[in-house]
Amino acid sequence: MGDADREPRRLRCGRRPRCWLAAREVPPLELRLFAVVGVFGGFTTFSAFGYETFVLLRAGANVGLNVVLGIACVWAGYTATSRI
C-alpha cells in the first residue's frame, strides 16, 4: 500500500448536501446561515407565537382580534416604510 491509499478520499460535492455528509465536508457559509438563522429562527419564532397565543387563550383574551390587529400593524408599517 502506498501513501495515496491511506489518504481519505475527497469527493467533489458542489452543492449536494448528501455528498457533504458522506465526505464530511463543511457546507458553504450561505447554506449554514440559512439553516441556522432562517430555518431554526423560524421554528423558535413560531413556537413563541404558539405559546403566547396559548397563554392569551387561557387568560380569556380575544386571540383572533390580537392576531388581526398585529397583522394590520405590520401592514401599516410596511406601507409607511415602502414609500420612503
N, C-alpha and C. Protein backbone atom coordinates (compact mmCIF):
# COMPACT_ATOMS: atom_id res chain seq x y z
N MET A 1 0.83 -1.19 0.00
CA MET A 1 0.00 0.00 0.00
C MET A 1 0.87 1.24 0.00
N GLY A 2 0.53 2.15 -0.87
CA GLY A 2 1.26 3.41 -0.91
C GLY A 2 0.58 4.46 -0.05
N ASP A 3 1.20 5.63 0.01
CA ASP A 3 0.62 6.71 0.80
C ASP A 3 -0.72 7.18 0.25
N ALA A 4 -0.91 7.07 -1.04
CA ALA A 4 -2.17 7.51 -1.66
C ALA A 4 -3.34 6.66 -1.18
N ASP A 5 -3.09 5.40 -0.84
CA ASP A 5 -4.17 4.52 -0.38
C ASP A 5 -4.62 4.88 1.05
N ARG A 6 -3.78 5.49 1.83
CA ARG A 6 -4.10 5.81 3.21
C ARG A 6 -4.83 7.14 3.35
N GLU A 7 -4.71 8.00 2.36
CA GLU A 7 -5.36 9.30 2.44
C GLU A 7 -6.87 9.15 2.26
N PRO A 8 -7.64 9.96 3.00
CA PRO A 8 -9.09 9.89 2.81
C PRO A 8 -9.48 10.35 1.42
N ARG A 9 -10.49 9.71 0.89
CA ARG A 9 -10.95 10.04 -0.45
C ARG A 9 -11.70 11.36 -0.42
N ARG A 10 -11.35 12.28 -1.29
CA ARG A 10 -12.02 13.58 -1.38
C ARG A 10 -13.06 13.51 -2.49
N LEU A 11 -14.26 13.91 -2.16
CA LEU A 11 -15.33 13.94 -3.14
C LEU A 11 -15.55 15.38 -3.57
N ARG A 12 -15.91 15.56 -4.81
CA ARG A 12 -16.26 16.89 -5.29
C ARG A 12 -17.77 17.04 -5.13
N CYS A 13 -18.16 17.77 -4.09
CA CYS A 13 -19.57 17.80 -3.71
C CYS A 13 -20.37 18.91 -4.37
N GLY A 14 -19.75 20.00 -4.68
CA GLY A 14 -20.53 21.09 -5.24
C GLY A 14 -21.59 21.53 -4.25
N ARG A 15 -22.85 21.50 -4.64
CA ARG A 15 -23.95 21.94 -3.77
C ARG A 15 -24.86 20.78 -3.39
N ARG A 16 -24.35 19.57 -3.32
CA ARG A 16 -25.17 18.41 -2.97
C ARG A 16 -25.02 18.08 -1.47
N PRO A 17 -26.07 18.33 -0.66
CA PRO A 17 -25.97 18.13 0.79
C PRO A 17 -25.64 16.70 1.20
N ARG A 18 -26.19 15.70 0.53
CA ARG A 18 -25.87 14.31 0.91
C ARG A 18 -24.39 14.01 0.74
N CYS A 19 -23.82 14.60 -0.26
CA CYS A 19 -22.40 14.39 -0.52
C CYS A 19 -21.56 15.01 0.59
N TRP A 20 -21.98 16.16 1.14
CA TRP A 20 -21.23 16.79 2.23
C TRP A 20 -21.20 15.86 3.43
N LEU A 21 -22.33 15.21 3.71
CA LEU A 21 -22.37 14.29 4.84
C LEU A 21 -21.46 13.10 4.61
N ALA A 22 -21.46 12.57 3.41
CA ALA A 22 -20.62 11.41 3.11
C ALA A 22 -19.14 11.77 3.15
N ALA A 23 -18.80 12.94 2.65
CA ALA A 23 -17.40 13.35 2.59
C ALA A 23 -16.96 14.08 3.85
N ARG A 24 -17.90 14.36 4.74
CA ARG A 24 -17.62 15.12 5.96
C ARG A 24 -17.01 16.48 5.64
N GLU A 25 -17.55 17.10 4.61
CA GLU A 25 -17.12 18.44 4.24
C GLU A 25 -18.09 19.45 4.83
N VAL A 26 -17.62 20.66 5.00
CA VAL A 26 -18.44 21.73 5.55
C VAL A 26 -19.22 22.39 4.42
N PRO A 27 -20.56 22.54 4.58
CA PRO A 27 -21.35 23.21 3.54
C PRO A 27 -20.94 24.68 3.42
N PRO A 28 -21.30 25.32 2.33
CA PRO A 28 -20.96 26.74 2.15
C PRO A 28 -21.58 27.60 3.26
N LEU A 29 -20.95 28.72 3.53
CA LEU A 29 -21.40 29.63 4.59
C LEU A 29 -22.84 30.07 4.39
N GLU A 30 -23.22 30.37 3.16
CA GLU A 30 -24.59 30.82 2.90
C GLU A 30 -25.62 29.78 3.33
N LEU A 31 -25.33 28.51 3.05
CA LEU A 31 -26.26 27.46 3.42
C LEU A 31 -26.32 27.28 4.93
N ARG A 32 -25.18 27.36 5.60
CA ARG A 32 -25.17 27.24 7.05
C ARG A 32 -25.94 28.39 7.70
N LEU A 33 -25.76 29.62 7.19
CA LEU A 33 -26.50 30.75 7.72
C LEU A 33 -28.00 30.61 7.49
N PHE A 34 -28.37 30.14 6.30
CA PHE A 34 -29.79 29.93 6.00
C PHE A 34 -30.39 28.92 6.97
N ALA A 35 -29.67 27.83 7.22
CA ALA A 35 -30.20 26.79 8.11
C ALA A 35 -30.32 27.29 9.54
N VAL A 36 -29.28 27.92 10.05
CA VAL A 36 -29.28 28.32 11.45
C VAL A 36 -30.19 29.51 11.70
N VAL A 37 -30.05 30.56 10.91
CA VAL A 37 -30.82 31.77 11.15
C VAL A 37 -32.23 31.65 10.58
N GLY A 38 -32.34 31.18 9.34
CA GLY A 38 -33.64 31.14 8.68
C GLY A 38 -34.54 30.05 9.19
N VAL A 39 -34.12 28.82 9.06
CA VAL A 39 -34.99 27.69 9.41
C VAL A 39 -35.18 27.58 10.92
N PHE A 40 -34.08 27.52 11.67
CA PHE A 40 -34.20 27.37 13.12
C PHE A 40 -34.80 28.61 13.76
N GLY A 41 -34.49 29.78 13.23
CA GLY A 41 -35.09 31.02 13.73
C GLY A 41 -36.59 31.04 13.51
N GLY A 42 -37.02 30.50 12.38
CA GLY A 42 -38.45 30.40 12.11
C GLY A 42 -39.16 29.48 13.08
N PHE A 43 -38.51 28.37 13.44
CA PHE A 43 -39.11 27.45 14.41
C PHE A 43 -39.28 28.11 15.77
N THR A 44 -38.25 28.85 16.22
CA THR A 44 -38.36 29.48 17.53
C THR A 44 -39.39 30.60 17.52
N THR A 45 -39.48 31.35 16.43
CA THR A 45 -40.49 32.41 16.34
C THR A 45 -41.89 31.82 16.37
N PHE A 46 -42.11 30.74 15.63
CA PHE A 46 -43.43 30.13 15.58
C PHE A 46 -43.79 29.52 16.93
N SER A 47 -42.83 28.88 17.60
CA SER A 47 -43.15 28.29 18.89
C SER A 47 -43.43 29.38 19.93
N ALA A 48 -42.73 30.50 19.86
CA ALA A 48 -43.02 31.62 20.77
C ALA A 48 -44.41 32.17 20.50
N PHE A 49 -44.78 32.30 19.23
CA PHE A 49 -46.13 32.77 18.88
C PHE A 49 -47.18 31.79 19.40
N GLY A 50 -46.95 30.50 19.22
CA GLY A 50 -47.90 29.50 19.70
C GLY A 50 -48.06 29.54 21.21
N TYR A 51 -46.95 29.67 21.93
CA TYR A 51 -47.00 29.72 23.39
C TYR A 51 -47.74 30.97 23.86
N GLU A 52 -47.41 32.13 23.29
CA GLU A 52 -48.07 33.37 23.70
C GLU A 52 -49.57 33.32 23.38
N THR A 53 -49.94 32.73 22.26
CA THR A 53 -51.36 32.58 21.92
C THR A 53 -52.05 31.69 22.94
N PHE A 54 -51.40 30.61 23.33
CA PHE A 54 -51.95 29.70 24.33
C PHE A 54 -52.16 30.42 25.67
N VAL A 55 -51.18 31.20 26.07
CA VAL A 55 -51.29 31.95 27.33
C VAL A 55 -52.44 32.95 27.26
N LEU A 56 -52.56 33.64 26.12
CA LEU A 56 -53.68 34.59 25.96
C LEU A 56 -55.03 33.89 26.00
N LEU A 57 -55.12 32.71 25.38
CA LEU A 57 -56.37 31.95 25.41
C LEU A 57 -56.74 31.56 26.84
N ARG A 58 -55.76 31.12 27.59
CA ARG A 58 -56.02 30.72 28.98
C ARG A 58 -56.44 31.91 29.83
N ALA A 59 -55.94 33.09 29.49
CA ALA A 59 -56.30 34.30 30.24
C ALA A 59 -57.65 34.87 29.79
N GLY A 60 -58.23 34.28 28.74
CA GLY A 60 -59.54 34.74 28.28
C GLY A 60 -59.48 35.88 27.29
N ALA A 61 -58.33 36.14 26.72
CA ALA A 61 -58.20 37.23 25.76
C ALA A 61 -58.78 36.83 24.41
N ASN A 62 -59.13 37.83 23.62
CA ASN A 62 -59.64 37.60 22.28
C ASN A 62 -58.44 37.45 21.33
N VAL A 63 -58.03 36.23 21.09
CA VAL A 63 -56.81 35.95 20.32
C VAL A 63 -57.01 36.34 18.85
N GLY A 64 -58.18 36.13 18.31
CA GLY A 64 -58.43 36.48 16.91
C GLY A 64 -58.23 37.97 16.67
N LEU A 65 -58.75 38.77 17.58
CA LEU A 65 -58.58 40.21 17.46
C LEU A 65 -57.10 40.59 17.59
N ASN A 66 -56.40 39.92 18.48
CA ASN A 66 -54.97 40.19 18.67
C ASN A 66 -54.19 39.91 17.39
N VAL A 67 -54.47 38.79 16.73
CA VAL A 67 -53.76 38.43 15.50
C VAL A 67 -54.11 39.40 14.38
N VAL A 68 -55.38 39.72 14.23
CA VAL A 68 -55.80 40.65 13.17
C VAL A 68 -55.19 42.02 13.38
N LEU A 69 -55.19 42.53 14.61
CA LEU A 69 -54.57 43.83 14.88
C LEU A 69 -53.06 43.79 14.65
N GLY A 70 -52.43 42.68 15.00
CA GLY A 70 -50.99 42.54 14.75
C GLY A 70 -50.66 42.58 13.26
N ILE A 71 -51.44 41.88 12.46
CA ILE A 71 -51.22 41.88 11.01
C ILE A 71 -51.52 43.26 10.43
N ALA A 72 -52.54 43.94 10.96
CA ALA A 72 -52.85 45.29 10.49
C ALA A 72 -51.69 46.25 10.80
N CYS A 73 -51.08 46.10 11.96
CA CYS A 73 -49.93 46.94 12.31
C CYS A 73 -48.73 46.66 11.40
N VAL A 74 -48.51 45.39 11.08
CA VAL A 74 -47.43 45.04 10.16
C VAL A 74 -47.69 45.66 8.80
N TRP A 75 -48.91 45.56 8.31
CA TRP A 75 -49.27 46.15 7.02
C TRP A 75 -49.05 47.66 7.03
N ALA A 76 -49.48 48.33 8.12
CA ALA A 76 -49.33 49.78 8.21
C ALA A 76 -47.85 50.17 8.22
N GLY A 77 -47.04 49.44 8.96
CA GLY A 77 -45.60 49.73 8.98
C GLY A 77 -44.96 49.49 7.64
N TYR A 78 -45.34 48.41 6.96
CA TYR A 78 -44.80 48.11 5.65
C TYR A 78 -45.18 49.20 4.64
N THR A 79 -46.47 49.60 4.68
CA THR A 79 -46.94 50.63 3.76
C THR A 79 -46.22 51.97 4.00
N ALA A 80 -46.05 52.31 5.26
CA ALA A 80 -45.41 53.58 5.60
C ALA A 80 -43.94 53.60 5.18
N THR A 81 -43.25 52.50 5.36
CA THR A 81 -41.82 52.49 5.03
C THR A 81 -41.54 52.20 3.57
N SER A 82 -42.48 51.63 2.84
CA SER A 82 -42.22 51.33 1.43
C SER A 82 -42.30 52.59 0.56
N ARG A 83 -42.87 53.64 1.09
CA ARG A 83 -42.99 54.90 0.34
C ARG A 83 -41.82 55.83 0.57
N ILE A 84 -40.92 55.44 1.42
CA ILE A 84 -39.76 56.31 1.74
C ILE A 84 -38.72 56.19 0.65
